[in-house]
Protein backbone atom coordinates (compact mmCIF):
# COMPACT_ATOMS: atom_id res chain seq x y z
CA MET A 1 77.84 82.63 90.97
CA LYS A 2 81.21 80.89 90.89
CA GLN A 3 84.54 81.65 92.31
CA ILE A 4 86.96 81.81 89.00
CA GLN A 5 90.39 82.98 88.40
CA GLY A 6 91.83 85.73 86.33
CA GLY A 7 91.52 88.97 88.99
CA VAL A 8 90.95 91.99 87.02
CA CYS A 9 91.50 90.64 83.61
CA ALA A 10 88.57 87.33 84.26
CA ALA A 11 85.91 90.01 82.56
CA LYS A 12 86.19 89.92 78.77
CA GLY A 13 88.00 92.85 77.00
CA PHE A 14 89.83 93.99 80.02
CA THR A 15 93.80 93.69 79.79
CA ALA A 16 96.00 94.75 83.08
CA ASN A 17 100.31 94.84 83.49
CA GLY A 18 102.75 96.35 86.45
CA VAL A 19 105.87 97.24 85.94
CA HIS A 20 108.97 98.84 88.05
CA CYS A 21 109.17 102.03 86.97
CA GLY A 22 111.57 103.62 89.63
CA ILE A 23 109.61 105.28 92.29
CA ARG A 24 110.97 102.62 94.61
CA LYS A 25 114.18 102.51 95.11
CA ASN A 26 113.39 98.41 95.11
CA LYS A 27 113.98 97.30 91.24
CA THR A 28 112.13 94.31 92.46
CA LYS A 29 108.99 95.50 93.61
CA ARG A 30 106.97 96.88 90.53
CA ASP A 31 105.08 100.57 90.97
CA LEU A 32 103.01 101.22 88.23
CA ALA A 33 100.21 99.66 87.33
CA LEU A 34 98.01 99.87 84.45
CA VAL A 35 93.96 98.31 84.22
CA TYR A 36 93.13 98.49 80.10
CA SER A 37 89.57 97.94 78.48
CA GLU A 38 89.78 97.48 75.12
CA LYS A 39 86.32 99.67 74.47
CA ILE A 40 85.12 102.53 76.60
CA ALA A 41 83.12 101.68 79.42
CA THR A 42 81.20 102.80 82.44
CA ALA A 43 82.99 103.82 85.07
CA ALA A 44 82.25 104.72 88.93
CA SER A 45 83.99 105.71 91.79
CA VAL A 46 83.95 106.68 95.54
CA TYR A 47 86.40 108.43 97.70
CA THR A 48 87.69 108.99 100.72
CA LYS A 49 86.01 112.23 102.90
CA ASN A 50 89.08 113.24 104.37
CA LEU A 51 89.58 116.80 103.75
CA VAL A 52 92.81 116.15 102.21
CA LYS A 53 93.07 114.78 99.40
CA GLY A 54 95.30 113.13 96.83
CA ALA A 55 95.64 115.14 93.84
CA PRO A 56 94.79 111.94 91.74
CA LEU A 57 91.56 111.76 93.73
CA THR A 58 90.67 114.98 92.37
CA VAL A 59 91.67 114.81 88.40
CA THR A 60 90.37 111.49 88.54
CA LYS A 61 86.36 112.74 89.73
CA ASN A 62 86.98 115.21 87.51
CA ASN A 63 87.75 112.63 84.58
CA ILE A 64 84.64 110.22 84.98
CA ALA A 65 82.42 113.25 85.53
CA ASP A 66 80.56 112.18 82.42
CA GLY A 67 79.97 107.87 84.03
CA LYS A 68 83.00 106.42 81.53
CA ALA A 69 86.34 105.44 81.58
CA GLN A 70 88.88 103.17 79.63
CA ALA A 71 92.03 102.66 81.56
CA ILE A 72 93.40 103.25 85.32
CA ILE A 73 96.70 103.72 85.68
CA CYS A 74 98.57 103.78 89.89
CA ASN A 75 101.46 104.16 90.77
CA SER A 76 102.88 103.09 94.51
CA GLY A 77 105.50 103.94 96.53
CA ASN A 78 104.45 107.93 96.67
CA ALA A 79 100.55 109.14 97.38
CA ASN A 80 100.88 112.60 95.70
CA THR A 81 99.27 114.44 98.57
CA CYS A 82 100.22 117.41 99.58
CA ASN A 83 101.82 118.22 96.47
CA ALA A 84 102.37 121.97 95.38
CA ASN A 85 102.29 120.54 91.54
CA GLY A 86 100.67 117.02 92.16
CA ILE A 87 97.18 118.18 90.05
CA GLU A 88 99.89 118.35 87.33
CA ILE A 89 101.49 115.07 87.84
CA ALA A 90 98.34 113.43 87.90
CA GLU A 91 96.94 115.09 84.18
CA GLN A 92 100.56 114.58 82.94
CA THR A 93 100.51 110.95 83.83
CA CYS A 94 97.23 110.73 81.89
CA GLU A 95 98.02 112.31 78.80
CA LEU A 96 101.29 110.52 78.82
CA LEU A 97 99.33 106.82 79.15
CA ALA A 98 96.27 108.39 76.81
CA LYS A 99 99.18 109.26 73.91
CA GLU A 100 100.65 105.80 74.14
CA LEU A 101 97.15 103.92 75.00
CA GLY A 102 95.28 106.24 71.58
CA ILE A 103 92.49 107.05 73.68
CA ALA A 104 91.32 110.61 75.17
CA ALA A 105 93.03 111.60 78.57
CA ASN A 106 89.50 112.19 80.07
CA ASN A 107 88.65 108.83 80.10
CA VAL A 108 91.94 107.52 82.16
CA VAL A 109 91.06 106.99 86.27
CA VAL A 110 94.72 107.88 87.69
CA ALA A 111 96.02 107.10 91.18
CA SER A 112 98.56 106.97 93.63
CA THR A 113 99.41 105.11 97.32
CA GLY A 114 102.26 105.59 99.28
CA VAL A 115 103.85 108.05 101.60
CA ILE A 116 102.38 111.65 101.88
CA GLY A 117 103.60 114.69 100.95
CA GLN A 118 106.63 113.46 99.25
CA PRO A 119 107.84 115.24 95.84
CA LEU A 120 106.85 112.92 92.52
CA ASP A 121 108.47 113.66 89.89
CA ILE A 122 106.63 112.52 86.29
CA THR A 123 110.15 111.12 84.46
CA PRO A 124 109.68 107.68 86.06
CA ILE A 125 106.13 107.16 85.38
CA ALA A 126 106.43 108.57 81.97
CA SER A 127 110.01 106.03 81.28
CA GLY A 128 107.92 103.34 82.44
CA ILE A 129 104.15 103.70 80.51
CA PRO A 130 105.77 102.12 76.80
CA ALA A 131 106.80 99.24 79.31
CA LEU A 132 103.34 99.30 80.99
CA VAL A 133 101.44 99.35 77.49
CA LYS A 134 103.67 96.87 75.62
CA GLY A 135 103.33 94.29 78.20
CA LEU A 136 99.31 94.57 78.70
CA GLY A 137 98.27 91.41 78.62
CA GLU A 138 96.25 88.78 81.27
CA HIS A 139 98.62 90.29 83.89
CA SER A 140 95.95 90.64 87.22
CA ASP A 141 98.88 89.32 89.44
CA PHE A 142 101.51 91.95 88.26
CA ALA A 143 98.94 94.88 88.20
CA CYS A 144 98.00 93.82 91.96
CA GLU A 145 102.07 93.91 93.06
CA GLY A 146 102.30 97.57 91.60
CA ILE A 147 99.76 98.95 93.64
CA MET A 148 101.05 97.04 96.84
CA THR A 149 103.28 99.26 99.80
CA THR A 150 103.00 97.30 102.99
CA ASP A 151 100.44 94.78 101.79
CA THR A 152 102.31 91.16 102.65
CA ARG A 153 100.34 89.45 99.62
CA LYS A 154 98.49 90.28 96.65
CA LYS A 155 94.53 90.84 97.01
CA GLU A 156 92.77 89.77 93.92
CA ILE A 157 89.22 87.63 93.07
CA ALA A 158 86.78 86.96 90.29
CA PHE A 159 83.36 85.58 89.97
CA GLU A 160 81.38 84.03 87.07
CA PHE A 161 77.49 85.10 87.33
CA THR A 162 74.50 85.23 85.07
CA VAL A 163 72.46 88.25 84.22
CA GLY A 164 69.78 88.09 81.61
CA GLY A 165 70.60 84.81 80.80
CA LYS A 166 74.28 86.21 79.69
CA THR A 167 77.33 84.80 81.12
CA CYS A 168 79.23 88.13 83.11
CA ARG A 169 82.32 88.01 84.71
CA ILE A 170 83.34 90.71 87.84
CA GLY A 171 87.11 90.68 89.03
CA GLY A 172 89.13 93.09 91.50
CA ILE A 173 92.18 93.98 92.87
CA ALA A 174 92.90 95.65 96.16
CA LYS A 175 95.92 97.72 97.98
CA GLY A 176 95.26 98.06 101.46
CA SER A 177 97.35 97.20 104.98
CA GLY A 178 98.10 100.39 107.01
CA MET A 179 95.95 103.52 107.66
CA ILE A 180 92.88 101.74 107.11
CA HIS A 181 90.01 103.31 108.71
CA PRO A 182 86.89 104.22 105.04
CA ASN A 183 84.48 106.64 105.45
CA MET A 184 83.91 105.45 101.83
CA ALA A 185 86.33 102.78 100.98
CA THR A 186 89.33 101.82 101.64
CA MET A 187 92.84 102.31 100.07
CA LEU A 188 92.76 101.20 96.66
CA VAL A 189 90.20 98.88 95.25
CA PHE A 190 89.64 98.58 90.92
CA VAL A 191 86.94 95.60 89.80
CA THR A 192 86.80 95.21 86.36
CA THR A 193 83.03 93.43 84.76
CA ASP A 194 81.51 92.85 81.47
CA CYS A 195 78.65 92.98 82.73
CA ALA A 196 76.74 96.18 80.59
CA ILE A 197 74.94 98.26 83.53
CA SER A 198 74.71 102.01 83.00
CA ALA A 199 76.38 104.95 84.48
CA GLN A 200 73.89 105.61 87.12
CA MET A 201 73.14 102.08 88.54
CA LEU A 202 76.84 101.39 88.56
CA GLN A 203 77.26 104.09 90.71
CA LYS A 204 74.52 103.60 92.81
CA ALA A 205 75.44 100.21 93.57
CA LEU A 206 79.03 101.07 94.33
CA SER A 207 77.85 103.43 96.60
CA LYS A 208 75.60 101.26 98.77
CA ASP A 209 78.04 98.51 98.64
CA VAL A 210 80.54 100.73 100.06
CA GLU A 211 78.23 100.70 103.13
CA ASP A 212 78.48 97.04 103.99
CA SER A 213 81.54 96.33 102.77
CA PHE A 214 84.70 98.96 102.89
CA ASN A 215 83.47 101.35 105.43
CA MET A 216 83.06 98.46 107.69
CA VAL A 217 86.86 97.79 107.70
CA SER A 218 89.04 98.90 109.99
CA VAL A 219 93.14 98.21 110.75
CA ASP A 220 94.24 101.28 113.21
CA GLY A 221 91.27 104.32 112.97
CA ASP A 222 92.94 106.11 110.43
CA THR A 223 91.54 107.21 107.16
CA SER A 224 93.91 107.35 104.53
CA THR A 225 93.90 110.50 101.94
CA ASN A 226 93.89 108.73 99.18
CA ASP A 227 91.06 105.77 99.51
CA MET A 228 89.67 105.12 96.53
CA VAL A 229 87.42 102.35 95.21
CA THR A 230 86.86 102.41 90.80
CA VAL A 231 84.52 100.21 88.89
CA LEU A 232 84.48 99.82 85.37
CA ALA A 233 81.79 97.96 83.43
CA ASN A 234 82.38 97.55 79.32
CA GLY A 235 79.17 95.61 78.46
CA ALA A 236 81.52 92.94 76.62
CA ALA A 237 79.07 90.32 78.01
CA GLY A 238 76.25 91.26 75.38
CA ASN A 239 73.61 91.48 78.30
CA ALA A 240 70.54 93.79 77.97
CA GLU A 241 71.95 96.94 79.89
CA ILE A 242 70.98 97.49 83.09
CA MET A 243 69.13 100.79 83.77
CA THR A 244 66.88 99.90 86.86
CA GLU A 245 66.58 98.14 90.26
CA ASN A 246 65.44 95.05 88.73
CA GLU A 247 66.15 91.69 88.82
CA GLU A 248 69.14 91.89 86.54
CA TYR A 249 70.33 94.62 88.64
CA ALA A 250 69.60 92.70 92.13
CA ALA A 251 71.95 90.21 90.56
CA PHE A 252 74.75 92.17 89.67
CA CYS A 253 74.93 93.72 93.02
CA GLU A 254 75.31 90.67 94.80
CA ALA A 255 78.74 89.83 92.47
CA LEU A 256 79.55 92.95 93.59
CA SER A 257 79.17 92.09 96.96
CA SER A 258 81.18 88.97 96.62
CA VAL A 259 84.01 90.87 95.24
CA THR A 260 84.25 93.66 97.68
CA THR A 261 83.62 91.20 100.91
CA TYR A 262 86.37 88.95 100.13
CA LEU A 263 88.72 91.91 99.76
CA CYS A 264 87.70 93.23 102.97
CA ARG A 265 88.77 90.60 104.45
CA MET A 266 91.74 89.86 102.97
CA ILE A 267 92.40 93.37 103.86
CA ALA A 268 91.69 93.28 107.43
CA GLY A 269 93.58 89.90 108.09
CA ASP A 270 96.96 91.58 105.73
CA GLY A 271 96.90 95.05 108.10
CA GLU A 272 100.08 96.08 109.38
CA GLY A 273 101.76 93.51 111.76
CA ALA A 274 98.53 92.04 111.95
CA THR A 275 98.69 87.84 113.26
CA LYS A 276 95.02 87.45 113.00
CA LEU A 277 91.76 88.27 110.85
CA LEU A 278 88.77 89.16 113.38
CA GLU A 279 85.29 88.98 111.98
CA CYS A 280 82.73 90.85 114.68
CA LYS A 281 79.09 89.72 113.66
CA VAL A 282 76.37 91.66 115.28
CA CYS A 283 72.46 90.44 115.43
CA GLY A 284 69.91 91.32 117.46
CA ALA A 285 70.19 95.10 116.73
CA LYS A 286 67.15 97.57 116.74
CA ASP A 287 68.56 98.36 113.66
CA THR A 288 70.83 97.49 111.11
CA ALA A 289 72.76 101.59 111.77
CA THR A 290 72.74 100.27 115.38
CA ALA A 291 74.48 96.64 114.80
CA LYS A 292 76.93 98.28 112.22
CA ILE A 293 78.02 101.06 115.23
CA VAL A 294 78.46 98.24 117.49
CA ALA A 295 80.77 96.03 115.17
CA LYS A 296 82.33 98.63 114.11
CA SER A 297 83.25 100.11 117.74
CA VAL A 298 84.25 96.79 119.07
CA ILE A 299 86.58 95.99 115.46
CA CYS A 300 87.83 99.20 116.01
CA SER A 301 89.09 99.25 120.44
CA SER A 302 92.49 99.13 120.81
CA LEU A 303 92.51 97.22 123.81
CA PHE A 304 89.37 94.39 122.21
CA LYS A 305 92.94 94.23 119.52
CA ALA A 306 95.91 93.58 121.48
CA ALA A 307 93.87 90.66 123.59
CA MET A 308 93.30 89.16 120.31
CA PHE A 309 96.90 88.81 119.99
CA GLY A 310 96.92 87.65 123.10
CA ALA A 311 94.71 84.88 122.99
CA ASP A 312 93.08 86.46 125.56
CA ALA A 313 88.96 86.09 126.06
CA ASN A 314 89.32 89.67 127.87
CA TRP A 315 85.16 89.46 126.81
CA GLY A 316 85.16 92.50 129.34
CA ARG A 317 86.88 94.76 126.49
CA VAL A 318 84.09 93.74 124.26
CA LEU A 319 81.28 95.18 126.24
CA CYS A 320 82.88 98.11 127.19
CA ALA A 321 83.19 99.07 123.10
CA ILE A 322 79.79 98.51 122.89
CA GLY A 323 79.21 100.49 125.83
CA TYR A 324 81.22 103.22 124.69
CA SER A 325 79.91 103.50 120.85
CA GLY A 326 76.84 105.71 121.45
CA ALA A 327 74.66 102.44 120.02
CA ASP A 328 70.90 102.50 122.02
CA VAL A 329 71.69 99.03 123.21
CA ASP A 330 70.63 97.44 126.50
CA VAL A 331 73.90 95.99 127.70
CA GLN A 332 72.36 93.41 130.52
CA LYS A 333 70.97 91.50 126.97
CA VAL A 334 74.11 91.44 125.26
CA GLY A 335 75.46 87.38 124.46
CA VAL A 336 78.97 87.26 123.79
CA CYS A 337 81.01 84.08 121.75
CA PHE A 338 84.23 83.58 120.48
CA ARG A 339 84.44 81.15 116.97
CA SER A 340 87.42 80.01 115.32
CA GLY A 341 88.34 76.37 113.54
CA LYS A 342 89.09 74.96 117.01
CA GLY A 343 85.42 75.64 118.06
CA SER A 344 82.96 78.10 119.56
CA ILE A 345 82.87 79.04 123.22
CA VAL A 346 80.04 81.77 125.14
CA VAL A 347 81.43 84.14 127.54
CA CYS A 348 79.02 86.35 128.39
CA GLU A 349 75.17 86.04 129.06
CA ASN A 350 72.45 89.05 129.33
CA GLY A 351 75.51 91.23 130.02
CA ALA A 352 77.37 89.37 132.53
CA GLY A 353 80.57 86.28 132.57
CA VAL A 354 79.51 83.12 132.33
CA PRO A 355 81.88 80.33 133.56
CA PHE A 356 84.15 79.17 130.28
CA SER A 357 87.61 77.31 129.68
CA GLU A 358 90.18 79.24 129.88
CA GLU A 359 92.46 76.69 127.97
CA LYS A 360 89.45 76.04 125.52
CA ALA A 361 89.49 79.86 125.11
CA LYS A 362 92.96 80.12 124.24
CA GLU A 363 92.90 77.34 121.93
CA ILE A 364 90.35 79.05 119.87
CA LEU A 365 91.96 82.43 119.98
CA LEU A 366 95.29 80.82 118.97
CA GLU A 367 93.37 80.62 115.12
CA SER A 368 94.69 83.31 112.27
CA GLU A 369 90.48 83.50 111.65
CA ILE A 370 88.55 84.91 114.64
CA GLU A 371 84.34 85.28 114.75
CA VAL A 372 83.93 87.23 117.63
CA LEU A 373 79.61 86.94 117.62
CA ILE A 374 77.77 89.45 119.43
CA ALA A 375 73.48 89.31 120.33
CA LEU A 376 71.84 92.09 121.58
CA GLY A 377 68.78 90.79 122.13
CA ASP A 378 66.76 93.71 120.67
CA GLY A 379 65.44 93.12 116.96
CA ASP A 380 66.63 92.24 113.70
CA GLY A 381 69.48 94.91 112.92
CA LYS A 382 72.67 92.70 111.82
CA ALA A 383 75.91 93.61 110.51
CA THR A 384 79.12 92.55 109.80
CA ALA A 385 82.86 94.11 110.64
CA TRP A 386 86.40 93.03 109.88
CA GLY A 387 89.65 94.12 111.65
CA CYS A 388 92.84 92.28 112.59
CA ASP A 389 94.84 91.91 116.31
CA LEU A 390 97.13 94.56 117.61
CA THR A 391 100.77 93.88 117.59
CA TYR A 392 104.16 94.72 117.97
CA ASP A 393 104.58 94.69 114.65
CA TYR A 394 102.49 97.85 114.03
CA VAL A 395 104.50 99.94 115.95
CA LYS A 396 107.72 98.66 114.13
CA ILE A 397 106.38 99.34 111.05
CA ASN A 398 105.02 102.66 111.49
CA GLY A 399 108.04 103.78 113.56
CA ASP A 400 110.16 104.18 110.21
CA TYR A 401 107.78 103.78 107.78
CA ARG A 402 108.95 107.19 105.98
CA THR A 403 112.58 106.45 106.24
């Protein structure tokens, strides 16, 4: 396994592009993105469990019911959610793209992100598709920019790995900064690979992976209406198709996890208004489920997030979040340590505070990446969750997001 360049274009047979079509008022911002496979690929997706869902999710779910897809198109600036004609717009988008590419409309994954409840006109999308297709190339960065909303930086990654003696590649792009508290995935993530894997095994790998990756991210506690993670696998690497849970499947799952974990960290670190990436690592739980509950509860605590913004080693807020999490924990065994590039400091043992240097703690917590290490002393269960600090700018950004 090694990190490589290329994002969603790193895998053989994939190209991408992003253009400004006119959905967003700022003409310097790309607002329409495309990822394309030269051949039909196996496809798998997971979607938000929010009862209010964007129209593109419904259309995509229908399109890839056969486990196949060849292109992903996504607009930013408008979520196409709670619109009377949302399904029609999403279907028209697929049809227009399919015609331009010369593929079947039901082989298109369609996605949208942006403001909820705003009317969406097909005109800018229709006018932008020809240029979007014409400019296809190794432009993962353009596609990445095209799906951004309040993101402050692009989120893309790729890795090279081996399956059955063949070199395979996998890469992904993501958008996500606010409205991040997934119950399946997070905002929008698109992954491509040239590894050959059946649709059934691809779906199994993805569904399992999100439980340890995107479902363990929280920025603000809000689950989006448009969350979607999609993986396309076109088999161009030439390996024997993965059909069962064998050694090759395990290698693929490891590669997928490398991509999703990297994107999780990028999404959490780029939370709206955030200045710090918070990574909560829990060990010693009775089981994995307990560890996940604890890690997510701490990451989601507004009081704890605010303390991290102020570089305040207020470990009591960690214990408080553990206490109301609902997890079966013996609080008299809990230990807490803060760690960053400036060192580490133990602040709690056996559920009680221990003497520590406030000055050293402040130095550790002023760093841009903070680890919160929690030991429960009850077993071998462990889990990791990602989040960010809560700052004044989060309120500023969301106070006038629509207007």
